[in-house]
Protein backbone atom coordinates (compact mmCIF):
# COMPACT_ATOMS: atom_id res chain seq x y z
CA UNK A 1 4.89 4.70 7.97
CA UNK A 2 5.99 1.19 7.15
CA UNK A 3 6.23 -2.09 8.99
CA UNK A 4 8.54 -5.03 8.42
CA UNK A 5 7.77 -8.67 7.76
CA UNK A 6 9.85 -11.55 6.51
CA UNK A 7 9.37 -13.08 3.10
CA UNK A 8 8.51 -16.36 4.84
CA UNK A 9 5.75 -14.66 6.87
CA UNK A 10 4.35 -13.26 3.65
CA UNK A 11 4.34 -16.67 1.99
CA UNK A 12 2.80 -18.41 5.03
CA UNK A 13 0.14 -15.80 5.83
CA UNK A 14 -0.24 -13.25 3.02
CA UNK A 15 -3.57 -11.97 4.34
CA UNK A 16 -2.00 -10.92 7.65
CA UNK A 17 0.76 -9.06 5.81
CA UNK A 18 -1.80 -7.35 3.54
CA UNK A 19 -3.80 -6.32 6.63
CA UNK A 20 -0.63 -4.82 8.11
CA UNK A 21 -0.07 -2.91 4.87
CA UNK A 22 -3.63 -1.57 4.91
CA UNK A 23 -3.27 -0.51 8.55
CA UNK A 24 0.27 0.91 8.54
CA UNK A 25 1.06 1.75 4.92
CA UNK A 26 3.96 -0.02 3.26
CA UNK A 27 5.36 -3.37 4.35
CA UNK A 28 9.05 -4.02 3.84
CA UNK A 29 9.57 -7.71 3.13
CA UNK A 30 12.97 -8.86 4.34
CA UNK A 31 14.55 -11.73 2.39
CA UNK A 32 17.50 -13.89 3.45
CA UNK A 33 19.80 -13.69 0.44
CA UNK A 34 18.34 -10.76 -1.42
CA UNK A 35 17.56 -7.10 -0.91
CA UNK A 36 14.27 -6.30 0.83
CA UNK A 37 11.22 -5.52 -1.27
CA UNK A 38 8.44 -3.05 -0.52
CA UNK A 39 4.78 -3.99 -0.66
CA UNK A 40 2.50 -0.98 -1.01
CA UNK A 41 -0.96 0.03 -2.11
CA UNK A 42 -0.71 1.05 -5.79
CA UNK A 43 -3.38 3.76 -5.53
CA UNK A 44 -1.67 5.36 -2.53
CA UNK A 45 1.71 5.22 -4.27
CA UNK A 46 0.24 6.81 -7.42
CA UNK A 47 -1.36 9.57 -5.33
CA UNK A 48 1.96 10.28 -3.60
CA UNK A 49 3.74 10.38 -6.94
CA UNK A 50 1.16 12.76 -8.40
CA UNK A 51 1.45 15.02 -5.35
CA UNK A 52 5.25 15.07 -5.58
CA UNK A 53 5.00 15.86 -9.28
CA UNK A 54 2.64 18.77 -8.65
CA UNK A 55 4.85 20.11 -5.86
CA UNK A 56 7.94 19.92 -8.07
CA UNK A 57 6.16 21.72 -10.91
CA UNK A 58 4.96 24.46 -8.54
CA UNK A 59 8.46 24.92 -7.16
CA UNK A 60 9.93 25.16 -10.64
CA UNK A 61 7.50 27.83 -11.84
CA UNK A 62 7.75 29.79 -8.57
CA UNK A 63 11.51 30.24 -8.80
CA UNK A 64 12.24 33.63 -10.27
CA UNK A 65 15.84 34.88 -10.07
CA UNK A 66 15.38 36.53 -6.67
CA UNK A 67 13.70 33.47 -5.16
CA UNK A 68 16.35 31.21 -6.66
CA UNK A 69 19.07 33.28 -4.98
CA UNK A 70 17.32 32.96 -1.61
CA UNK A 71 16.90 29.21 -2.11
CA UNK A 72 20.55 28.79 -3.05
CA UNK A 73 21.48 30.67 0.12
CA UNK A 74 19.46 28.27 2.27
CA UNK A 75 20.43 24.99 0.61
CA UNK A 76 22.73 23.98 3.45
CA UNK A 77 19.68 23.41 5.66
CA UNK A 78 18.59 20.45 3.52
CA UNK A 79 21.97 19.54 2.03
CA UNK A 80 24.82 20.46 4.41
CA UNK A 81 27.41 19.31 1.88
CA UNK A 82 26.38 22.15 -0.48
CA UNK A 83 28.62 24.41 1.61
CA UNK A 84 31.59 22.58 0.05
CA UNK A 85 30.60 23.58 -3.50
CA UNK A 86 31.81 26.91 -4.85
CA UNK A 87 29.04 29.51 -4.57
CA UNK A 88 29.03 29.86 -8.36
CA UNK A 89 27.99 26.19 -8.77
CA UNK A 90 25.10 26.18 -6.30
CA UNK A 91 22.51 27.67 -8.71
CA UNK A 92 23.56 25.03 -11.25
CA UNK A 93 22.86 22.33 -8.64
CA UNK A 94 19.35 23.72 -8.03
CA UNK A 95 18.58 23.86 -11.76
CA UNK A 96 19.97 20.37 -12.33
CA UNK A 97 18.06 18.97 -9.35
CA UNK A 98 14.73 20.55 -10.33
CA UNK A 99 15.04 19.61 -14.01
CA UNK A 100 15.75 15.98 -13.13
CA UNK A 101 12.98 15.94 -10.52
CA UNK A 102 10.42 17.33 -12.99
CA UNK A 103 11.51 14.98 -15.77
CA UNK A 104 11.69 11.93 -13.52
CA UNK A 105 8.30 12.53 -11.96
CA UNK A 106 6.79 13.09 -15.41
CA UNK A 107 7.77 9.57 -16.45
CA UNK A 108 7.51 7.91 -13.04
CA UNK A 109 11.24 7.18 -12.68
CA UNK A 110 13.46 8.98 -10.16
CA UNK A 111 16.64 6.98 -10.85
CA UNK A 112 18.26 9.88 -12.69
CA UNK A 113 17.43 12.30 -9.86
CA UNK A 114 19.05 9.91 -7.39
CA UNK A 115 22.14 9.74 -9.60
CA UNK A 116 22.21 13.53 -9.98
CA UNK A 117 22.02 14.08 -6.24
CA UNK A 118 24.81 11.54 -5.62
CA UNK A 119 26.97 13.12 -8.33
CA UNK A 120 26.64 16.59 -6.81
CA UNK A 121 27.36 15.23 -3.32
CA UNK A 122 30.45 13.47 -4.70
CA UNK A 123 31.49 16.70 -6.42
CA UNK A 124 31.23 18.52 -3.09
CA UNK A 125 33.37 15.79 -1.50
CA UNK A 126 35.97 16.24 -4.23
CA UNK A 127 36.07 19.99 -3.56
CA UNK A 128 36.61 19.21 0.13
CA UNK A 129 39.51 16.83 -0.55
CA UNK A 130 42.72 18.76 0.13
CA UNK A 131 44.64 16.49 -2.27
CA UNK A 132 42.64 17.79 -5.25
CA UNK A 133 43.22 21.25 -6.67
CA UNK A 134 40.07 22.87 -7.97
CA UNK A 135 41.93 24.65 -10.77
CA UNK A 136 43.20 21.33 -12.19
CA UNK A 137 46.86 22.25 -11.72
CA UNK A 138 47.50 18.84 -10.14
CA UNK A 139 46.40 16.92 -13.25
CA UNK A 140 48.94 15.04 -15.32
CA UNK A 141 48.10 14.48 -18.96
CA UNK A 142 49.24 11.27 -20.61
CA UNK A 143 51.04 11.35 -23.92
CA UNK A 144 50.08 7.74 -24.68
CA UNK A 145 46.69 6.19 -23.80
CA UNK A 146 46.85 3.76 -20.88
CA UNK A 147 44.47 0.86 -20.32
CA UNK A 148 42.69 1.15 -16.98
CA UNK A 149 40.86 -1.74 -15.31
CA UNK A 150 37.14 -1.24 -14.75
CA UNK A 151 36.03 0.02 -11.33
CA UNK A 152 34.82 -2.48 -8.75
CA UNK A 153 31.64 -4.15 -9.90
CA UNK A 154 32.21 -3.05 -13.51
CA UNK A 155 32.56 -5.35 -16.46
């Protein structure tokens, strides 16, 4: 569980904020013109990361073909949007997810797993869009390359 404090409270009375962290777990420090930051006990965070890593490894080695099929069939419980993916792509999602989870936990970075999950969710949304044909028959190929502006926030 986490509690919230302002950045100003942390600067004025850091000991009180540290006590709150020790009592409640993480403290989310809210800042005026910046994203919040999380203050947590490093040993507790490392223990959580190690536990997640062990769990991910156990899941990966426990998935034989039969178990994988059962898991794929129950994915919509955790990820309702999976229903929008073709059934043939659901095992690929599981493999991609587990591989990125195992790799990310091994190096202590889950950014790629977050990106993978978002990409699969966006793929499911694309399959659900009635304006897009799954077979690609709605695509128009350009004879001459066209310059395209970068997406919002791009350079």
